[in-house]
Amino acid sequence: MPEVIINGPEGRIEGRYTPGKTEDAPIALFLHPHPVHGGTMNNKVVYAMFHHFAQRGFATLRFNFRGVGRSQGTYDKGEGELSDAASVLDWLQSQNPNAKQCWVAGFSFGAWIGMQLLMRRPEINGFISVAPPANMYDFSFLAPCPSSGLMLQGDADDIVPHDSVEKLAEKLNLQQGIHVEYHLEAGADHFFAEKLDNMTDRISAYLDANGPDRI
């Protein structure tokens, strides 16, 4: 899991990269929760997803947004963080020019940024959004939503009410040609404490049905 330093809009961006198992391995980018509230690329939800995708043979990359860890810059209320994500995806694609698919996965604030990245990058084939903060941020930019994906939410989340995420998924599913699978995990809090294995099992099932063939 080599450390990488990527040139971003505000200077260096610190990341961790695992190459794919084949030359045409799919790629996946992972986005962490809110920088101001302690979110980093080492968050347990982010790391669990990163590790799971790597096990499936993806080329995987997680990174710290500006101002977090060794990444330069300061928090920019989402706008700069979206630019960071776009720059990091450019780097990931440059390392994997023959990738057969491109996925983005985000947790909480990172899910909001990831969904915005979908709108910028038509090459993204699918997404995983864990606890997207539909009660805090406007997701109306997903009109139309360019890709299908999976939304995971805990019914014991006291930060993001599960009904707000369910309504978001229902709204997106009204769009032609888009299917957002919504799963409500019983007993899971915002951070999926003690439920990370359940989370990755659900992601695995989704990728079996909708992702590239297992490598």
Protein backbone atom coordinates (compact mmCIF):
# COMPACT_ATOMS: atom_id res chain seq x y z
CA MET A 1 0.00 0.00 0.00
CA PRO A 2 2.52 2.62 -1.16
CA GLU A 3 2.24 6.23 -0.14
CA VAL A 4 1.83 8.61 -3.06
CA ILE A 5 2.10 12.38 -3.29
CA ILE A 6 -0.03 13.95 -6.03
CA ASN A 7 0.12 17.51 -7.31
CA GLY A 8 -3.22 19.11 -6.46
CA PRO A 9 -4.78 22.55 -6.93
CA GLU A 10 -3.34 23.78 -3.59
CA GLY A 11 -0.09 21.81 -3.57
CA ARG A 12 0.63 18.25 -2.59
CA ILE A 13 -2.09 15.71 -1.85
CA GLU A 14 -1.24 12.74 0.32
CA GLY A 15 -2.64 9.37 -0.71
CA ARG A 16 -2.35 5.61 -0.43
CA TYR A 17 -2.43 3.57 -3.62
CA THR A 18 -2.74 -0.13 -4.35
CA PRO A 19 -2.13 -1.15 -7.98
CA GLY A 20 -4.60 -3.42 -9.70
CA LYS A 21 -3.97 -7.11 -10.33
CA THR A 22 -4.12 -6.83 -14.12
CA GLU A 23 -3.23 -4.22 -16.74
CA ASP A 24 -6.89 -3.48 -17.41
CA ALA A 25 -7.98 -3.63 -13.76
CA PRO A 26 -10.88 -1.34 -12.85
CA ILE A 27 -10.09 1.69 -10.71
CA ALA A 28 -11.77 3.02 -7.58
CA LEU A 29 -11.37 6.30 -5.70
CA PHE A 30 -12.33 6.69 -2.00
CA LEU A 31 -13.38 9.96 -0.33
CA HIS A 32 -13.27 10.54 3.42
CA PRO A 33 -15.68 12.32 5.79
CA HIS A 34 -15.65 15.97 6.83
CA PRO A 35 -12.13 17.40 7.26
CA VAL A 36 -13.18 19.83 9.99
CA HIS A 37 -14.68 17.05 12.10
CA GLY A 38 -11.72 14.69 12.07
CA GLY A 39 -12.28 12.96 8.75
CA THR A 40 -9.19 11.44 7.13
CA MET A 41 -8.34 8.79 4.57
CA ASN A 42 -7.69 6.44 7.52
CA ASN A 43 -11.33 6.51 8.59
CA LYS A 44 -12.47 2.93 9.26
CA VAL A 45 -15.35 3.04 6.75
CA VAL A 46 -13.09 4.43 4.02
CA TYR A 47 -10.31 1.95 4.78
CA ALA A 48 -12.73 -1.00 4.80
CA MET A 49 -14.04 -0.06 1.35
CA PHE A 50 -10.53 0.60 0.03
CA HIS A 51 -9.30 -2.79 1.26
CA HIS A 52 -12.35 -4.62 -0.09
CA PHE A 53 -12.03 -3.16 -3.59
CA ALA A 54 -8.30 -3.92 -3.58
CA GLN A 55 -9.03 -7.55 -2.68
CA ARG A 56 -11.32 -7.73 -5.69
CA GLY A 57 -8.44 -6.66 -7.95
CA PHE A 58 -9.22 -2.97 -8.41
CA ALA A 59 -6.51 -0.33 -8.51
CA THR A 60 -7.51 1.66 -5.42
CA LEU A 61 -6.65 5.12 -4.13
CA ARG A 62 -7.66 6.93 -0.95
CA PHE A 63 -6.35 10.38 -0.12
CA ASN A 64 -6.53 13.27 2.31
CA PHE A 65 -8.42 16.36 1.25
CA ARG A 66 -6.59 19.68 1.44
CA GLY A 67 -5.50 20.63 4.94
CA VAL A 68 -5.71 17.05 6.25
CA GLY A 69 -2.60 15.07 7.18
CA ARG A 70 0.20 15.96 4.81
CA SER A 71 -2.09 17.44 2.15
CA GLN A 72 -1.52 21.14 1.66
CA GLY A 73 -4.15 23.87 1.65
CA THR A 74 -7.12 24.65 3.87
CA TYR A 75 -10.73 23.47 4.03
CA ASP A 76 -12.78 25.05 1.23
CA LYS A 77 -16.40 24.13 2.06
CA GLY A 78 -16.57 21.46 -0.61
CA GLU A 79 -15.59 23.41 -3.71
CA GLY A 80 -11.84 22.94 -3.27
CA GLU A 81 -12.32 19.38 -2.05
CA LEU A 82 -14.14 18.56 -5.29
CA SER A 83 -11.17 19.96 -7.22
CA ASP A 84 -8.87 17.79 -5.10
CA ALA A 85 -10.91 14.71 -5.98
CA ALA A 86 -10.84 15.55 -9.69
CA SER A 87 -7.05 15.97 -9.62
CA VAL A 88 -6.58 12.68 -7.78
CA LEU A 89 -8.85 10.87 -10.24
CA ASP A 90 -6.72 12.31 -13.08
CA TRP A 91 -3.64 10.78 -11.42
CA LEU A 92 -5.34 7.43 -10.89
CA GLN A 93 -6.39 7.31 -14.52
CA SER A 94 -2.90 8.25 -15.68
CA GLN A 95 -1.54 5.23 -13.80
CA ASN A 96 -4.21 2.94 -15.25
CA PRO A 97 -4.88 4.02 -18.85
CA ASN A 98 -6.42 0.65 -19.75
CA ALA A 99 -8.83 0.45 -16.81
CA LYS A 100 -12.05 -1.23 -17.84
CA GLN A 101 -14.22 0.53 -15.26
CA CYS A 102 -14.10 3.54 -12.93
CA TRP A 103 -15.83 3.69 -9.54
CA VAL A 104 -16.05 6.30 -6.80
CA ALA A 105 -16.94 5.56 -3.18
CA GLY A 106 -17.48 8.11 -0.43
CA PHE A 107 -18.53 8.22 3.19
CA SER A 108 -20.61 11.07 4.67
CA PHE A 109 -19.09 14.38 3.43
CA GLY A 110 -17.03 12.26 1.03
CA ALA A 111 -20.24 10.80 -0.41
CA TRP A 112 -21.48 14.33 -1.18
CA ILE A 113 -18.20 15.15 -2.94
CA GLY A 114 -18.28 11.81 -4.75
CA MET A 115 -21.74 12.45 -6.15
CA GLN A 116 -20.60 15.84 -7.41
CA LEU A 117 -17.62 14.17 -9.06
CA LEU A 118 -20.08 11.92 -10.91
CA MET A 119 -21.53 15.00 -12.57
CA ARG A 120 -18.10 16.14 -13.76
CA ARG A 121 -16.75 12.81 -14.95
CA PRO A 122 -18.92 10.80 -17.35
CA GLU A 123 -16.37 7.98 -17.36
CA ILE A 124 -17.42 6.96 -13.81
CA ASN A 125 -19.39 3.72 -14.16
CA GLY A 126 -20.76 3.37 -10.64
CA PHE A 127 -20.74 4.71 -7.11
CA ILE A 128 -20.98 3.67 -3.49
CA SER A 129 -22.35 6.27 -1.07
CA VAL A 130 -22.26 5.46 2.64
CA ALA A 131 -24.38 7.73 4.86
CA PRO A 132 -24.68 10.55 2.30
CA PRO A 133 -25.62 13.67 4.31
CA ALA A 134 -28.86 14.37 2.51
CA ASN A 135 -30.14 16.34 5.51
CA MET A 136 -27.17 18.74 5.45
CA TYR A 137 -26.31 19.29 1.80
CA ASP A 138 -28.23 19.91 -1.39
CA PHE A 139 -28.14 16.92 -3.74
CA SER A 140 -30.44 18.49 -6.34
CA PHE A 141 -27.49 18.77 -8.73
CA LEU A 142 -28.10 15.08 -9.54
CA ALA A 143 -30.50 16.00 -12.32
CA PRO A 144 -30.03 13.79 -14.11
CA CYS A 145 -27.88 11.40 -12.10
CA PRO A 146 -25.35 10.08 -14.62
CA SER A 147 -24.66 6.65 -13.05
CA SER A 148 -26.37 3.95 -11.06
CA GLY A 149 -24.99 2.97 -7.68
CA LEU A 150 -25.46 1.81 -4.11
CA MET A 151 -26.47 3.86 -1.07
CA LEU A 152 -25.90 2.41 2.40
CA GLN A 153 -27.40 3.86 5.55
CA GLY A 154 -27.70 2.81 9.18
CA ASP A 155 -31.03 2.93 10.96
CA ALA A 156 -29.28 4.03 14.19
CA ASP A 157 -27.49 6.99 12.55
CA ASP A 158 -27.99 10.04 14.77
CA ILE A 159 -26.19 12.41 12.37
CA VAL A 160 -27.95 11.64 9.08
CA PRO A 161 -31.59 10.50 9.47
CA HIS A 162 -32.20 7.46 7.33
CA ASP A 163 -35.44 8.82 5.92
CA SER A 164 -33.55 11.69 4.23
CA VAL A 165 -31.30 9.20 2.42
CA GLU A 166 -34.23 6.97 1.49
CA LYS A 167 -36.03 9.96 -0.04
CA LEU A 168 -32.90 10.86 -2.02
CA ALA A 169 -32.62 7.32 -3.37
CA GLU A 170 -36.32 7.27 -4.27
CA LYS A 171 -35.99 10.57 -6.10
CA LEU A 172 -33.00 9.36 -8.11
CA ASN A 173 -34.79 6.14 -9.01
CA LEU A 174 -37.49 8.15 -10.74
CA GLN A 175 -34.94 9.06 -13.40
CA GLN A 176 -35.01 7.00 -16.55
CA GLY A 177 -32.23 4.44 -16.87
CA ILE A 178 -30.92 4.98 -13.32
CA HIS A 179 -31.16 2.47 -10.50
CA VAL A 180 -29.92 3.35 -7.03
CA GLU A 181 -29.98 0.36 -4.71
CA TYR A 182 -30.74 1.52 -1.17
CA HIS A 183 -29.89 -0.62 1.83
CA LEU A 184 -30.78 0.23 5.41
CA GLU A 185 -28.49 -1.61 7.83
CA ALA A 186 -30.21 -2.55 11.10
CA GLY A 187 -28.34 -1.36 14.18
CA ALA A 188 -25.71 0.60 12.26
CA ASP A 189 -24.77 4.07 13.47
CA HIS A 190 -23.24 6.80 11.31
CA PHE A 191 -19.79 5.17 11.43
CA PHE A 192 -21.06 1.59 10.98
CA ALA A 193 -19.39 0.63 14.26
CA GLU A 194 -19.46 -3.16 14.65
CA LYS A 195 -21.17 -3.31 11.23
CA LEU A 196 -18.25 -2.87 8.82
CA ASP A 197 -18.35 -6.51 7.75
CA ASN A 198 -22.07 -6.16 6.98
CA MET A 199 -21.26 -3.05 4.95
CA THR A 200 -18.58 -4.74 2.86
CA ASP A 201 -20.76 -7.82 2.38
CA ARG A 202 -23.46 -5.60 0.91
CA ILE A 203 -20.93 -3.83 -1.31
CA SER A 204 -19.59 -7.20 -2.45
CA ALA A 205 -23.05 -8.41 -3.42
CA TYR A 206 -23.66 -5.19 -5.32
CA LEU A 207 -20.37 -5.47 -7.22
CA ASP A 208 -21.08 -9.13 -8.01
CA ALA A 209 -24.28 -8.01 -9.71
CA ASN A 210 -23.27 -4.66 -11.18
CA GLY A 211 -19.48 -4.33 -11.25
CA PRO A 212 -16.75 -5.86 -13.37
CA ASP A 213 -16.20 -9.58 -13.21
CA ARG A 214 -14.24 -10.64 -10.13
CA ILE A 215 -10.54 -10.70 -10.99
